[in-house]
Amino acid sequence: MARIHCLAFPLFFVGAIVAAAPALADQSCGDDLQKLAQKREAALQSINGLVAAAHGKQLDPTAFCARSAPLNQAETAMLAYMEKNKDWCQIPDAAIEQLKAAHGKSVSFSNKACNVAAQMKKMKEQAAQGGGPQVQPLPAGPL
């Protein structure tokens, strides 16, 4: 069975954007980015809680898969907003690139966990139906 390891999610770029919000062309940019960053942070805290609860043991891929979906959605929404309003909100290219890199890692790790969870579910279903590994009978009669 594959092991799932904790990913470190960089948050420094979110703080830089939120801190720069007053300098943005429109205060609504700062407010919008702050709301999006709060959703992302809440999703990260949920994942970090799951990791902390595991106490260094193997994470449950099904639980991680479920908790990673809100993070992926929050990052996708934040990226879309940043790219759409890059010029108006004066968002630095570096901030967008950093979020893209973090989001790529989030999605990749989430996909791996969800694939492992799907495989585990399939194996459990097969075992419940008696479709587990087939044992060949020993030959009968003289050898």
Protein backbone atom coordinates (compact mmCIF):
# COMPACT_ATOMS: atom_id res chain seq x y z
CA MET A 1 0.00 0.00 0.00
CA ALA A 2 1.32 3.45 -0.82
CA ARG A 3 2.21 5.78 2.03
CA ILE A 4 0.96 9.33 2.11
CA HIS A 5 3.35 11.96 3.41
CA CYS A 6 2.65 15.50 4.57
CA LEU A 7 3.23 18.29 2.06
CA ALA A 8 4.43 21.70 3.14
CA PHE A 9 2.28 24.44 1.66
CA PRO A 10 4.00 27.83 1.33
CA LEU A 11 1.89 30.64 2.75
CA PHE A 12 4.30 33.54 2.52
CA PHE A 13 2.93 34.78 -0.80
CA VAL A 14 -0.62 35.01 0.57
CA GLY A 15 0.59 37.22 3.39
CA ALA A 16 2.49 39.41 0.94
CA ILE A 17 -0.60 39.93 -1.18
CA VAL A 18 -2.86 40.65 1.77
CA ALA A 19 -0.27 43.00 3.28
CA ALA A 20 -0.05 44.88 0.00
CA ALA A 21 -3.83 45.19 -0.26
CA PRO A 22 -3.98 48.87 0.79
CA ALA A 23 -1.65 49.74 -2.10
CA LEU A 24 -3.90 48.02 -4.62
CA ALA A 25 -5.82 50.06 -7.16
CA ASP A 26 -9.11 49.14 -5.55
CA GLN A 27 -9.69 48.22 -1.89
CA SER A 28 -12.11 45.52 -3.06
CA CYS A 29 -9.11 43.63 -4.50
CA GLY A 30 -7.59 43.40 -1.05
CA ASP A 31 -10.89 42.37 0.49
CA ASP A 32 -11.49 39.73 -2.17
CA LEU A 33 -7.99 38.31 -1.87
CA GLN A 34 -8.25 38.22 1.89
CA LYS A 35 -11.51 36.22 1.70
CA LEU A 36 -9.97 33.80 -0.78
CA ALA A 37 -6.85 33.44 1.38
CA GLN A 38 -9.00 32.73 4.45
CA LYS A 39 -10.79 29.88 2.62
CA ARG A 40 -7.44 28.45 1.58
CA GLU A 41 -6.07 28.78 5.10
CA ALA A 42 -9.13 27.01 6.57
CA ALA A 43 -8.62 24.12 4.15
CA LEU A 44 -4.93 23.95 5.06
CA GLN A 45 -5.76 23.90 8.76
CA SER A 46 -8.14 20.99 8.17
CA ILE A 47 -5.42 19.03 6.40
CA ASN A 48 -2.83 19.94 9.03
CA GLY A 49 -5.23 18.72 11.73
CA LEU A 50 -5.50 15.38 9.95
CA VAL A 51 -1.72 15.14 9.70
CA ALA A 52 -1.28 16.05 13.37
CA ALA A 53 -3.87 13.48 14.42
CA ALA A 54 -1.93 10.77 12.58
CA HIS A 55 1.06 11.38 14.92
CA GLY A 56 3.57 10.47 12.21
CA LYS A 57 1.71 7.31 11.19
CA GLN A 58 0.32 6.58 7.76
CA LEU A 59 -2.54 8.91 6.83
CA ASP A 60 -5.91 7.57 5.80
CA PRO A 61 -5.96 8.28 2.04
CA THR A 62 -9.78 8.44 1.98
CA ALA A 63 -9.86 11.11 4.67
CA PHE A 64 -7.01 13.03 3.04
CA CYS A 65 -8.73 12.85 -0.35
CA ALA A 66 -11.91 14.32 1.12
CA ARG A 67 -10.07 17.08 2.98
CA SER A 68 -7.89 18.03 0.03
CA ALA A 69 -10.83 18.89 -2.25
CA PRO A 70 -11.64 22.20 -0.47
CA LEU A 71 -7.97 23.21 -0.67
CA ASN A 72 -7.86 22.53 -4.40
CA GLN A 73 -11.08 24.49 -4.91
CA ALA A 74 -9.83 27.43 -2.82
CA GLU A 75 -6.53 27.57 -4.68
CA THR A 76 -8.24 27.31 -8.06
CA ALA A 77 -10.58 30.19 -7.15
CA MET A 78 -7.70 32.28 -5.84
CA LEU A 79 -5.61 31.68 -8.96
CA ALA A 80 -8.53 32.53 -11.24
CA TYR A 81 -9.15 35.78 -9.37
CA MET A 82 -5.47 36.72 -9.36
CA GLU A 83 -5.03 36.04 -13.08
CA LYS A 84 -8.25 37.82 -14.06
CA ASN A 85 -7.50 40.89 -11.93
CA LYS A 86 -3.71 40.90 -12.16
CA ASP A 87 -3.41 44.34 -13.72
CA TRP A 88 -6.29 46.03 -11.92
CA CYS A 89 -5.18 44.75 -8.51
CA GLN A 90 -1.46 45.13 -9.28
CA ILE A 91 -0.70 41.53 -8.36
CA PRO A 92 2.97 40.63 -8.87
CA ASP A 93 3.74 37.84 -11.32
CA ALA A 94 5.87 36.17 -8.64
CA ALA A 95 2.84 35.80 -6.35
CA ILE A 96 0.83 34.14 -9.09
CA GLU A 97 3.71 31.81 -9.99
CA GLN A 98 4.21 30.82 -6.36
CA LEU A 99 0.53 29.99 -5.95
CA LYS A 100 0.57 28.02 -9.21
CA ALA A 101 3.53 25.97 -7.95
CA ALA A 102 1.87 25.33 -4.58
CA HIS A 103 -1.41 24.45 -6.31
CA GLY A 104 0.35 22.02 -8.65
CA LYS A 105 1.81 20.20 -5.65
CA SER A 106 -1.56 20.23 -3.86
CA VAL A 107 -3.39 18.76 -6.84
CA SER A 108 -0.69 16.15 -7.49
CA PHE A 109 -0.65 14.99 -3.88
CA SER A 110 -4.45 15.00 -3.73
CA ASN A 111 -4.69 12.92 -6.91
CA LYS A 112 -2.24 10.37 -5.50
CA ALA A 113 -4.20 10.09 -2.25
CA CYS A 114 -7.51 9.79 -4.07
CA ASN A 115 -6.11 7.09 -6.38
CA VAL A 116 -4.87 5.09 -3.39
CA ALA A 117 -8.26 5.54 -1.68
CA ALA A 118 -10.06 4.30 -4.82
CA GLN A 119 -7.77 1.26 -5.02
CA MET A 120 -8.35 0.45 -1.36
CA LYS A 121 -12.12 0.73 -1.83
CA LYS A 122 -11.98 -1.56 -4.86
CA MET A 123 -9.90 -4.13 -2.97
CA LYS A 124 -12.34 -4.07 -0.02
CA GLU A 125 -15.29 -4.56 -2.36
CA GLN A 126 -13.59 -7.47 -4.08
CA ALA A 127 -12.73 -9.06 -0.74
CA ALA A 128 -16.32 -8.67 0.46
CA GLN A 129 -17.56 -10.44 -2.67
CA GLY A 130 -15.05 -13.22 -2.29
CA GLY A 131 -13.10 -11.94 -5.26
CA GLY A 132 -9.81 -11.74 -3.43
CA PRO A 133 -6.75 -13.67 -4.51
CA GLN A 134 -7.70 -17.11 -5.74
CA VAL A 135 -5.93 -20.02 -4.07
CA GLN A 136 -5.08 -22.85 -6.41
CA PRO A 137 -5.99 -26.30 -5.06
CA LEU A 138 -3.15 -28.74 -4.57
CA PRO A 139 -2.99 -31.53 -7.11
CA ALA A 140 -4.63 -34.75 -6.06
CA GLY A 141 -3.34 -38.24 -6.67
CA PRO A 142 0.15 -39.64 -6.96
CA LEU A 143 2.96 -37.32 -7.99
